N, C-alpha and C. Protein backbone atom coordinates (compact mmCIF):
# COMPACT_ATOMS: atom_id res chain seq x y z
N MET A 1 15.15 -26.18 -28.54
CA MET A 1 15.47 -26.47 -27.32
C MET A 1 16.94 -25.76 -26.88
N ILE A 2 17.69 -26.26 -27.73
CA ILE A 2 19.39 -26.11 -27.50
C ILE A 2 19.39 -24.51 -27.68
N ILE A 3 18.76 -23.93 -28.59
CA ILE A 3 18.80 -22.43 -28.77
C ILE A 3 18.14 -21.83 -27.67
N GLU A 4 17.30 -22.11 -27.12
CA GLU A 4 16.46 -21.61 -25.97
C GLU A 4 17.45 -21.71 -24.77
N LEU A 5 17.90 -22.84 -24.58
CA LEU A 5 19.17 -22.93 -23.71
C LEU A 5 20.30 -21.98 -23.71
N LEU A 6 20.71 -21.78 -24.87
CA LEU A 6 21.67 -21.03 -25.18
C LEU A 6 21.39 -19.38 -24.86
N VAL A 7 20.01 -19.17 -25.38
CA VAL A 7 19.53 -17.84 -25.08
C VAL A 7 19.48 -17.54 -23.49
N ASN A 8 19.06 -18.49 -22.94
CA ASN A 8 18.80 -18.38 -21.25
C ASN A 8 20.22 -18.27 -20.68
N ALA A 9 21.22 -19.01 -21.27
CA ALA A 9 22.83 -18.82 -20.79
C ALA A 9 23.18 -17.49 -20.97
N VAL A 10 22.92 -17.09 -22.03
CA VAL A 10 23.38 -15.48 -22.49
C VAL A 10 22.62 -14.63 -21.51
N ALA A 11 21.41 -14.79 -21.24
CA ALA A 11 20.54 -13.84 -20.33
C ALA A 11 21.16 -13.91 -18.85
N VAL A 12 21.63 -15.26 -18.49
CA VAL A 12 22.00 -15.48 -17.18
C VAL A 12 23.56 -14.56 -17.06
N PHE A 13 24.29 -14.73 -18.25
CA PHE A 13 25.62 -13.96 -18.12
C PHE A 13 25.23 -12.64 -18.40
N LEU A 14 24.54 -12.24 -18.88
CA LEU A 14 24.22 -10.77 -19.13
C LEU A 14 23.86 -10.09 -17.72
N ALA A 15 22.80 -10.86 -17.03
CA ALA A 15 22.11 -10.00 -15.76
C ALA A 15 23.36 -10.36 -14.85
N ALA A 16 24.07 -11.45 -14.66
CA ALA A 16 25.15 -11.27 -13.61
C ALA A 16 26.22 -10.29 -13.97
N TYR A 17 26.57 -9.88 -15.25
CA TYR A 17 27.35 -8.99 -15.63
C TYR A 17 26.81 -7.48 -15.18
N LEU A 18 25.44 -7.36 -15.12
CA LEU A 18 24.86 -6.37 -14.90
C LEU A 18 24.81 -5.98 -13.28
N LEU A 19 24.70 -6.90 -12.56
CA LEU A 19 24.27 -7.01 -11.07
C LEU A 19 25.37 -7.42 -10.19
N GLN A 20 25.71 -6.52 -9.34
CA GLN A 20 27.08 -6.80 -8.46
C GLN A 20 26.77 -7.86 -7.55
N GLY A 21 25.72 -8.09 -7.06
CA GLY A 21 25.38 -9.18 -6.28
C GLY A 21 25.25 -10.48 -6.60
N VAL A 22 25.53 -10.63 -8.14
CA VAL A 22 25.28 -11.85 -8.67
C VAL A 22 26.69 -12.22 -9.37
N GLU A 23 27.16 -13.48 -9.25
CA GLU A 23 28.21 -13.70 -10.02
C GLU A 23 28.25 -15.13 -10.53
N VAL A 24 28.71 -15.10 -11.96
CA VAL A 24 28.65 -16.28 -12.59
C VAL A 24 30.19 -16.35 -13.11
N LYS A 25 30.94 -17.51 -12.73
CA LYS A 25 32.25 -17.70 -12.99
C LYS A 25 32.73 -17.94 -14.52
N SER A 26 31.99 -18.25 -15.38
CA SER A 26 32.29 -18.47 -16.80
C SER A 26 30.99 -18.76 -17.36
N PHE A 27 31.06 -18.72 -18.70
CA PHE A 27 30.16 -19.09 -19.64
C PHE A 27 29.66 -20.37 -19.57
N TRP A 28 30.56 -21.24 -19.33
CA TRP A 28 30.03 -22.66 -19.02
C TRP A 28 29.24 -22.84 -17.80
N SER A 29 29.57 -21.90 -16.72
CA SER A 29 28.77 -22.07 -15.55
C SER A 29 27.23 -21.30 -15.92
N ALA A 30 27.44 -20.29 -16.70
CA ALA A 30 26.13 -19.79 -17.06
C ALA A 30 25.39 -20.71 -17.97
N ILE A 31 25.98 -21.60 -18.78
CA ILE A 31 25.19 -22.78 -19.33
C ILE A 31 24.53 -23.64 -18.54
N LEU A 32 25.34 -24.25 -17.66
CA LEU A 32 25.01 -25.06 -16.47
C LEU A 32 23.69 -24.48 -15.73
N THR A 33 23.93 -23.23 -15.38
CA THR A 33 22.99 -22.50 -14.60
C THR A 33 21.43 -22.49 -15.40
N ALA A 34 21.60 -22.29 -16.58
CA ALA A 34 20.46 -22.44 -17.36
C ALA A 34 19.92 -23.71 -17.50
N VAL A 35 20.49 -24.77 -17.51
CA VAL A 35 20.06 -26.13 -17.64
C VAL A 35 19.63 -26.50 -16.38
N VAL A 36 20.25 -26.27 -15.12
CA VAL A 36 19.43 -26.50 -13.97
C VAL A 36 18.41 -25.79 -13.65
N LEU A 37 18.34 -24.60 -13.96
CA LEU A 37 17.29 -23.75 -13.77
C LEU A 37 15.82 -24.11 -14.47
N ALA A 38 16.22 -24.69 -15.72
CA ALA A 38 15.22 -25.19 -16.68
C ALA A 38 14.55 -26.47 -15.75
N ILE A 39 15.60 -27.34 -15.44
CA ILE A 39 14.94 -28.36 -14.48
C ILE A 39 14.40 -28.15 -13.28
N VAL A 40 14.67 -27.17 -12.43
CA VAL A 40 14.19 -26.69 -11.30
C VAL A 40 12.72 -26.03 -11.52
N ASN A 41 12.65 -25.12 -12.44
CA ASN A 41 11.45 -24.63 -12.98
C ASN A 41 10.51 -25.61 -13.37
N ALA A 42 10.84 -26.71 -14.12
CA ALA A 42 9.98 -27.76 -14.51
C ALA A 42 9.28 -28.65 -13.53
N VAL A 43 10.34 -28.82 -12.41
CA VAL A 43 9.93 -29.89 -11.48
C VAL A 43 9.42 -29.32 -10.04
N ILE A 44 10.10 -28.41 -9.47
CA ILE A 44 9.93 -27.86 -8.19
C ILE A 44 9.00 -26.86 -8.28
N LYS A 45 9.25 -25.88 -9.29
CA LYS A 45 8.23 -24.58 -9.27
C LYS A 45 6.72 -24.86 -9.28
N PRO A 46 6.19 -25.69 -10.09
CA PRO A 46 4.84 -26.04 -10.38
C PRO A 46 4.16 -26.25 -8.75
N ILE A 47 5.09 -27.27 -8.25
CA ILE A 47 4.67 -27.89 -6.72
C ILE A 47 4.65 -26.60 -6.05
N MET A 48 5.60 -25.69 -5.96
CA MET A 48 5.74 -24.61 -5.07
C MET A 48 4.45 -23.54 -5.51
N ILE A 49 4.12 -23.37 -6.81
CA ILE A 49 3.11 -22.74 -7.02
C ILE A 49 1.71 -23.09 -6.55
N PHE A 50 1.40 -24.25 -6.59
CA PHE A 50 0.08 -24.95 -6.16
C PHE A 50 0.24 -24.79 -4.65
N LEU A 51 1.22 -25.05 -4.04
CA LEU A 51 1.11 -24.91 -2.44
C LEU A 51 0.86 -23.44 -1.94
N THR A 52 1.23 -22.51 -2.68
CA THR A 52 1.30 -21.11 -2.33
C THR A 52 0.14 -20.44 -3.17
N ILE A 53 -0.89 -21.31 -3.47
CA ILE A 53 -1.96 -20.57 -4.27
C ILE A 53 -2.70 -19.25 -3.63
N PRO A 54 -3.09 -19.80 -2.22
CA PRO A 54 -3.53 -18.80 -1.69
C PRO A 54 -2.77 -17.34 -1.30
N VAL A 55 -1.71 -17.34 -0.82
CA VAL A 55 -0.86 -16.24 -0.96
C VAL A 55 -0.65 -15.59 -2.31
N THR A 56 -0.71 -16.22 -3.36
CA THR A 56 -0.59 -15.81 -4.59
C THR A 56 -1.66 -14.82 -4.72
N ILE A 57 -2.95 -15.53 -4.59
CA ILE A 57 -4.10 -14.78 -4.72
C ILE A 57 -4.29 -13.43 -4.08
N ILE A 58 -3.83 -13.46 -2.81
CA ILE A 58 -3.94 -12.48 -1.94
C ILE A 58 -3.02 -11.34 -2.17
N THR A 59 -1.85 -11.65 -2.88
CA THR A 59 -0.87 -10.57 -3.31
C THR A 59 -0.95 -10.37 -4.60
N PHE A 60 -1.98 -10.87 -5.25
CA PHE A 60 -2.24 -10.64 -6.84
C PHE A 60 -1.22 -10.96 -7.61
N GLY A 61 -0.72 -11.94 -7.27
CA GLY A 61 0.33 -12.66 -8.12
C GLY A 61 1.85 -12.23 -7.93
N LEU A 62 2.03 -11.20 -7.08
CA LEU A 62 3.30 -10.94 -6.63
C LEU A 62 4.14 -11.78 -5.83
N PHE A 63 3.58 -12.78 -5.27
CA PHE A 63 4.47 -13.92 -4.92
C PHE A 63 5.17 -14.75 -5.72
N LEU A 64 4.73 -14.79 -7.03
CA LEU A 64 5.28 -15.42 -7.91
C LEU A 64 6.81 -15.08 -7.98
N LEU A 65 6.97 -13.91 -7.94
CA LEU A 65 8.40 -13.06 -7.85
C LEU A 65 9.18 -13.73 -6.74
N VAL A 66 8.58 -13.99 -5.66
CA VAL A 66 9.40 -14.66 -4.51
C VAL A 66 9.66 -16.17 -4.51
N ILE A 67 8.68 -16.58 -5.30
CA ILE A 67 8.94 -18.26 -5.68
C ILE A 67 10.26 -18.32 -6.74
N ASN A 68 10.28 -17.40 -7.73
CA ASN A 68 11.14 -17.12 -8.70
C ASN A 68 12.55 -17.15 -7.95
N ALA A 69 12.63 -16.14 -6.99
CA ALA A 69 13.93 -15.94 -6.22
C ALA A 69 14.09 -16.95 -5.39
N LEU A 70 13.22 -18.09 -4.78
CA LEU A 70 13.52 -18.96 -4.19
C LEU A 70 14.26 -20.10 -5.07
N MET A 71 13.65 -20.00 -6.33
CA MET A 71 14.03 -21.24 -7.10
C MET A 71 15.76 -20.89 -7.60
N LEU A 72 15.87 -19.65 -7.87
CA LEU A 72 17.28 -19.04 -8.09
C LEU A 72 18.23 -19.17 -6.88
N MET A 73 17.70 -18.99 -5.56
CA MET A 73 18.57 -19.36 -4.65
C MET A 73 18.73 -20.90 -4.62
N LEU A 74 17.84 -21.82 -4.81
CA LEU A 74 18.13 -23.21 -4.94
C LEU A 74 19.15 -23.74 -6.09
N VAL A 75 19.07 -23.08 -7.19
CA VAL A 75 19.93 -23.37 -8.18
C VAL A 75 21.40 -22.80 -7.63
N ASP A 76 21.57 -21.54 -6.93
CA ASP A 76 22.65 -21.24 -6.45
C ASP A 76 23.27 -22.28 -5.35
N ALA A 77 22.52 -22.75 -4.60
CA ALA A 77 22.83 -23.82 -3.50
C ALA A 77 23.50 -25.01 -4.26
N ILE A 78 22.96 -25.33 -5.28
CA ILE A 78 23.11 -26.71 -6.24
C ILE A 78 24.64 -26.29 -6.75
N LEU A 79 24.62 -25.21 -7.58
CA LEU A 79 25.84 -25.03 -8.52
C LEU A 79 27.09 -24.36 -7.83
N PRO A 80 28.28 -24.62 -8.00
CA PRO A 80 29.34 -23.91 -7.48
C PRO A 80 29.72 -22.90 -8.28
N GLY A 81 29.31 -22.60 -9.63
CA GLY A 81 29.88 -21.55 -10.45
C GLY A 81 28.91 -20.20 -10.43
N LEU A 82 27.82 -20.52 -9.45
CA LEU A 82 26.82 -19.33 -9.36
C LEU A 82 26.86 -19.00 -8.05
N LYS A 83 27.02 -17.64 -7.71
CA LYS A 83 26.97 -17.06 -6.23
C LYS A 83 25.87 -15.81 -6.37
N ILE A 84 24.90 -15.88 -5.66
CA ILE A 84 23.78 -14.90 -5.23
C ILE A 84 24.05 -14.59 -3.89
N LYS A 85 24.24 -13.19 -3.70
CA LYS A 85 24.52 -12.59 -2.11
C LYS A 85 23.34 -13.06 -1.27
N ASN A 86 22.22 -12.87 -1.65
CA ASN A 86 21.04 -12.94 -0.63
C ASN A 86 19.85 -13.02 -1.48
N PHE A 87 18.84 -13.06 -0.65
CA PHE A 87 17.48 -13.16 -1.35
C PHE A 87 17.01 -11.95 -2.20
N TRP A 88 17.45 -10.69 -1.89
CA TRP A 88 16.97 -9.46 -2.63
C TRP A 88 17.73 -9.44 -3.89
N TRP A 89 19.21 -9.88 -3.66
CA TRP A 89 19.62 -9.96 -5.15
C TRP A 89 19.05 -11.07 -5.93
N ALA A 90 18.58 -12.19 -5.41
CA ALA A 90 18.04 -13.10 -6.27
C ALA A 90 16.64 -12.63 -6.64
N LEU A 91 15.90 -11.74 -6.06
CA LEU A 91 14.75 -11.22 -6.61
C LEU A 91 14.85 -10.39 -7.84
N ILE A 92 15.94 -9.36 -7.30
CA ILE A 92 16.29 -8.41 -8.45
C ILE A 92 16.96 -9.11 -9.86
N PHE A 93 17.74 -10.39 -9.74
CA PHE A 93 18.23 -11.05 -10.78
C PHE A 93 17.20 -11.88 -11.45
N GLY A 94 16.24 -12.45 -10.73
CA GLY A 94 15.06 -12.87 -11.46
C GLY A 94 14.10 -12.11 -12.43
N ILE A 95 14.00 -10.66 -11.86
CA ILE A 95 13.51 -9.81 -12.58
C ILE A 95 14.37 -9.32 -13.86
N VAL A 96 15.54 -9.17 -13.64
CA VAL A 96 16.52 -8.79 -14.70
C VAL A 96 16.55 -9.57 -15.72
N LEU A 97 16.88 -11.07 -15.12
CA LEU A 97 16.89 -12.12 -15.94
C LEU A 97 15.61 -12.48 -17.00
N SER A 98 14.65 -12.16 -16.51
CA SER A 98 13.23 -12.24 -17.13
C SER A 98 13.18 -11.22 -18.36
N ILE A 99 13.49 -10.11 -17.94
CA ILE A 99 13.63 -8.84 -19.11
C ILE A 99 14.54 -9.30 -20.01
N ILE A 100 15.86 -9.56 -19.76
CA ILE A 100 16.79 -9.73 -20.87
C ILE A 100 16.43 -11.24 -21.60
N ASN A 101 15.70 -12.00 -20.93
CA ASN A 101 15.61 -13.20 -21.76
C ASN A 101 14.41 -12.90 -22.66
N ALA A 102 13.38 -11.98 -22.15
CA ALA A 102 12.36 -11.59 -23.27
C ALA A 102 12.94 -10.79 -24.25
N ILE A 103 13.99 -10.07 -23.88
CA ILE A 103 14.38 -9.34 -25.13
C ILE A 103 14.97 -9.98 -26.11
N LEU A 104 15.95 -10.96 -25.61
CA LEU A 104 16.75 -11.77 -26.34
C LEU A 104 15.93 -12.71 -27.20
N SER A 105 14.77 -13.43 -26.60
CA SER A 105 13.99 -14.39 -27.21
C SER A 105 13.18 -13.58 -28.38
N TRP A 106 12.84 -12.43 -28.13
CA TRP A 106 12.20 -11.55 -29.25
C TRP A 106 13.05 -11.17 -30.29
N ILE A 107 14.39 -11.03 -30.01
CA ILE A 107 15.24 -10.65 -31.20
C ILE A 107 15.61 -11.90 -31.90
N ILE A 108 16.18 -13.02 -31.32
CA ILE A 108 16.72 -14.29 -31.71
C ILE A 108 15.47 -15.28 -32.22
N LEU A 109 14.48 -15.36 -31.43
CA LEU A 109 13.45 -16.54 -31.85
C LEU A 109 12.47 -15.72 -32.55
């Protein structure tokens, strides 16, 4: 579990480095972002997915990207070490974060 959190933190740090609309102040902020994002994804995201099932079905699952962006914006509102400019940067950040996380998990784990 600790290794997964560190992989997520590296993915957050790399994604923020690649995107100019996202700023992570330090690697410790990236670790804290990974922890808070894991908690938000475990608690709030399932509720959001359940409440938006009709929209998700109508959009063939693409609305899940919007939910991911909203979860990232919630983490941005909670943490002072993470700054996301707007919703569109959060959407792009979520996509890039997922790709980097998948690559790192495949290499490390």
